[in-house]
Amino acid sequence: MLDCRTILLLWLLPWTAQGLAVPRTSSPDWAQCQQLSRNLCTLAWSAHPPVGHTDTLREEDEEPRNDVPRIQCGDGCDPQGLKDNSQFCLQRIHQGLVFYKQLLDSDIFTGEPSLLPDDPVGQLHTSLLGLSQLLQPKDRHWESEQMPSLRPSQRWQRPLLRSKILRSLQAFVAIAARVFAHGAATLTEPLMPSA
């Protein structure tokens, strides 16, 4: 007969095989993540500044999309979740960064009407890539479960789609920045003085 520990280990086996549980020692550079996420917030807001109160209102017939990544309560991004095992939260943030990077690579941002040469979207793309690479564990590759469902967009749709994507990205990176600020303040291991 199986004891409780064996049953628990068997129950957790599929999670560890998928890379969802990573040893606690693989912690990111919280301070660098905090700096990059602050930069991402600044770039996201400069790429799409609010234009009056109508920009923040949701259209009546608009339904929230299920494929857009969101950081939710069960992702372990709360202070206790980060303290217990930050890898669940970091994987969720990584998935979101990869998702938005792919959207910035799509024809929505690369097609006509073209963006201005000094538009911050290029810098935003570079920062998304940098932070996602910083979060990627060295010894394993996280699979990105949520990928944008991209269909070719029409020229007339792109300005509206850009606006919606950038608003969603602003919300996502704002929460990620709060996670990294908390991690930098509380989870960074102090440097030990050398003797």
Protein backbone atom coordinates (compact mmCIF):
# COMPACT_ATOMS: atom_id res chain seq x y z
CA MET A 1 0.00 0.00 0.00
CA LEU A 2 1.25 3.50 -0.85
CA ASP A 3 1.96 5.97 1.90
CA CYS A 4 0.95 9.67 1.76
CA ARG A 5 4.38 10.90 0.67
CA THR A 6 4.46 8.53 -2.29
CA ILE A 7 0.98 9.59 -3.38
CA LEU A 8 1.93 13.25 -3.08
CA LEU A 9 5.11 12.73 -5.11
CA LEU A 10 3.18 10.85 -7.79
CA TRP A 11 0.64 13.66 -7.90
CA LEU A 12 3.39 16.29 -8.34
CA LEU A 13 5.32 14.29 -10.96
CA PRO A 14 3.46 15.66 -14.03
CA TRP A 15 4.03 19.22 -12.79
CA THR A 16 7.76 18.75 -12.40
CA ALA A 17 8.01 17.02 -15.77
CA GLN A 18 6.49 20.11 -17.37
CA GLY A 19 9.01 22.38 -15.68
CA LEU A 20 6.47 23.97 -13.36
CA ALA A 21 8.42 23.30 -10.21
CA VAL A 22 11.99 24.50 -10.37
CA PRO A 23 14.47 24.23 -7.52
CA ARG A 24 14.28 27.27 -5.30
CA THR A 25 17.94 28.08 -5.83
CA SER A 26 17.30 29.27 -9.40
CA SER A 27 16.24 32.76 -8.45
CA PRO A 28 16.49 35.71 -10.83
CA ASP A 29 18.45 38.87 -10.26
CA TRP A 30 15.52 40.67 -8.62
CA ALA A 31 17.15 44.10 -8.78
CA GLN A 32 17.85 43.79 -12.50
CA CYS A 33 14.31 42.50 -13.11
CA GLN A 34 12.98 45.48 -11.15
CA GLN A 35 15.00 47.91 -13.26
CA LEU A 36 13.96 46.30 -16.56
CA SER A 37 10.29 46.12 -15.55
CA ARG A 38 10.31 49.81 -14.59
CA ASN A 39 11.78 50.57 -18.00
CA LEU A 40 9.06 48.45 -19.62
CA CYS A 41 6.36 50.39 -17.78
CA THR A 42 7.81 53.70 -18.93
CA LEU A 43 8.08 52.51 -22.53
CA ALA A 44 4.58 51.01 -22.54
CA TRP A 45 3.06 54.27 -21.31
CA SER A 46 5.09 56.36 -23.74
CA ALA A 47 4.10 54.06 -26.62
CA HIS A 48 0.42 54.61 -25.84
CA PRO A 49 -0.32 57.55 -23.54
CA PRO A 50 -3.94 57.94 -22.41
CA VAL A 51 -5.98 60.19 -24.70
CA GLY A 52 -8.81 61.48 -22.56
CA HIS A 53 -11.39 59.50 -20.63
CA THR A 54 -12.75 57.68 -23.69
CA ASP A 55 -9.50 55.78 -24.11
CA THR A 56 -9.89 54.08 -20.75
CA LEU A 57 -13.52 53.10 -21.26
CA ARG A 58 -14.33 49.70 -22.66
CA GLU A 59 -16.63 49.47 -25.64
CA GLU A 60 -20.06 48.07 -24.78
CA ASP A 61 -19.78 45.02 -27.01
CA GLU A 62 -16.15 44.25 -26.19
CA GLU A 63 -15.67 41.02 -24.29
CA PRO A 64 -12.45 40.21 -22.43
CA ARG A 65 -10.29 37.84 -24.44
CA ASN A 66 -9.28 34.57 -22.87
CA ASP A 67 -5.98 34.27 -24.73
CA VAL A 68 -4.52 37.47 -23.25
CA PRO A 69 -2.17 36.64 -20.36
CA ARG A 70 -3.12 37.98 -16.98
CA ILE A 71 -1.42 37.59 -13.64
CA GLN A 72 -4.06 36.07 -11.37
CA CYS A 73 -4.34 35.22 -7.70
CA GLY A 74 -3.47 31.55 -8.21
CA ASP A 75 -0.18 32.38 -9.95
CA GLY A 76 1.71 32.84 -6.68
CA CYS A 77 2.67 36.46 -7.35
CA ASP A 78 1.50 37.59 -3.92
CA PRO A 79 4.16 38.17 -1.22
CA GLN A 80 3.65 34.77 0.42
CA GLY A 81 3.59 32.96 -2.94
CA LEU A 82 6.85 34.62 -3.96
CA LYS A 83 8.43 33.67 -0.67
CA ASP A 84 7.31 30.04 -0.91
CA ASN A 85 8.17 29.40 -4.57
CA SER A 86 8.59 32.32 -6.94
CA GLN A 87 8.98 30.08 -9.99
CA PHE A 88 5.24 29.77 -10.65
CA CYS A 89 4.88 33.54 -10.78
CA LEU A 90 8.06 34.04 -12.79
CA GLN A 91 6.93 31.49 -15.34
CA ARG A 92 3.59 33.30 -15.72
CA ILE A 93 5.35 36.63 -16.22
CA HIS A 94 7.74 35.02 -18.72
CA GLN A 95 4.79 33.61 -20.68
CA GLY A 96 3.18 37.04 -20.80
CA LEU A 97 6.37 38.72 -21.99
CA VAL A 98 6.79 36.18 -24.79
CA PHE A 99 3.12 36.62 -25.74
CA TYR A 100 3.43 40.40 -26.05
CA LYS A 101 6.76 40.14 -27.87
CA GLN A 102 5.07 37.98 -30.50
CA LEU A 103 2.29 40.53 -30.84
CA LEU A 104 4.85 43.29 -31.35
CA ASP A 105 6.45 41.11 -34.06
CA SER A 106 3.10 40.71 -35.87
CA ASP A 107 1.81 42.68 -38.83
CA ILE A 108 -0.28 44.72 -36.39
CA PHE A 109 2.89 46.63 -35.51
CA THR A 110 5.05 45.96 -38.56
CA GLY A 111 2.49 46.61 -41.30
CA GLU A 112 1.00 49.79 -42.73
CA PRO A 113 0.29 52.36 -41.48
CA SER A 114 3.88 52.26 -40.30
CA LEU A 115 4.91 53.55 -36.93
CA LEU A 116 6.95 56.71 -36.61
CA PRO A 117 10.74 56.18 -36.68
CA ASP A 118 11.14 57.47 -33.12
CA ASP A 119 8.19 55.42 -31.82
CA PRO A 120 9.07 53.60 -28.57
CA VAL A 121 7.59 50.28 -29.75
CA GLY A 122 11.03 49.11 -30.99
CA GLN A 123 12.56 49.83 -27.58
CA LEU A 124 9.58 48.16 -25.94
CA HIS A 125 10.21 45.04 -28.04
CA THR A 126 13.89 44.99 -27.03
CA SER A 127 13.04 45.41 -23.34
CA LEU A 128 10.43 42.62 -23.48
CA LEU A 129 13.03 40.35 -25.01
CA GLY A 130 15.67 41.31 -22.43
CA LEU A 131 13.44 40.69 -19.42
CA SER A 132 12.08 37.41 -20.81
CA GLN A 133 15.65 36.16 -21.38
CA LEU A 134 16.61 37.19 -17.85
CA LEU A 135 13.71 35.15 -16.45
CA GLN A 136 14.43 32.07 -18.57
CA PRO A 137 16.14 29.46 -16.37
CA LYS A 138 19.60 28.56 -17.66
CA ASP A 139 19.09 24.82 -17.31
CA ARG A 140 15.58 24.45 -18.78
CA HIS A 141 13.25 26.01 -21.29
CA TRP A 142 9.81 27.12 -20.20
CA GLU A 143 7.09 26.38 -22.70
CA SER A 144 4.86 29.34 -23.46
CA GLU A 145 1.36 27.99 -23.22
CA GLN A 146 -0.46 31.15 -24.23
CA MET A 147 0.32 32.25 -27.74
CA PRO A 148 -1.58 34.98 -29.51
CA SER A 149 -4.02 33.75 -32.11
CA LEU A 150 -2.90 35.92 -34.97
CA ARG A 151 -4.81 36.34 -38.15
CA PRO A 152 -3.61 38.79 -40.78
CA SER A 153 -4.99 42.19 -39.91
CA GLN A 154 -6.41 44.78 -42.25
CA ARG A 155 -4.75 48.17 -42.57
CA TRP A 156 -7.76 49.94 -41.03
CA GLN A 157 -7.75 47.60 -37.99
CA ARG A 158 -4.13 48.11 -36.99
CA PRO A 159 -4.37 51.44 -35.12
CA LEU A 160 -7.26 50.11 -33.00
CA LEU A 161 -5.54 46.76 -32.39
CA ARG A 162 -2.28 48.51 -31.47
CA SER A 163 -4.14 50.61 -28.94
CA LYS A 164 -5.85 47.60 -27.34
CA ILE A 165 -2.64 45.56 -27.22
CA LEU A 166 -0.65 48.41 -25.68
CA ARG A 167 -3.34 49.04 -23.03
CA SER A 168 -3.31 45.36 -22.12
CA LEU A 169 0.50 45.36 -22.04
CA GLN A 170 0.48 48.41 -19.76
CA ALA A 171 -1.67 46.56 -17.22
CA PHE A 172 0.45 43.42 -17.43
CA VAL A 173 3.83 45.15 -16.98
CA ALA A 174 2.47 47.32 -14.16
CA ILE A 175 1.66 44.20 -12.14
CA ALA A 176 4.96 42.55 -13.12
CA ALA A 177 6.84 45.66 -11.98
CA ARG A 178 5.14 45.44 -8.58
CA VAL A 179 6.16 41.79 -8.31
CA PHE A 180 9.80 42.61 -9.10
CA ALA A 181 9.82 45.60 -6.75
CA HIS A 182 8.64 43.34 -3.92
CA GLY A 183 11.16 40.66 -4.90
CA ALA A 184 14.02 43.17 -5.01
CA ALA A 185 13.04 44.55 -1.61
CA THR A 186 12.44 41.29 0.23
CA LEU A 187 13.82 38.28 -1.67
CA THR A 188 17.27 39.43 -2.68
CA GLU A 189 19.79 37.57 -0.61
CA PRO A 190 22.17 39.96 1.16
CA LEU A 191 25.78 39.83 0.12
CA MET A 192 27.96 38.16 2.70
CA PRO A 193 31.02 40.19 3.66
CA SER A 194 34.24 38.50 2.67
CA ALA A 195 36.65 37.72 5.46
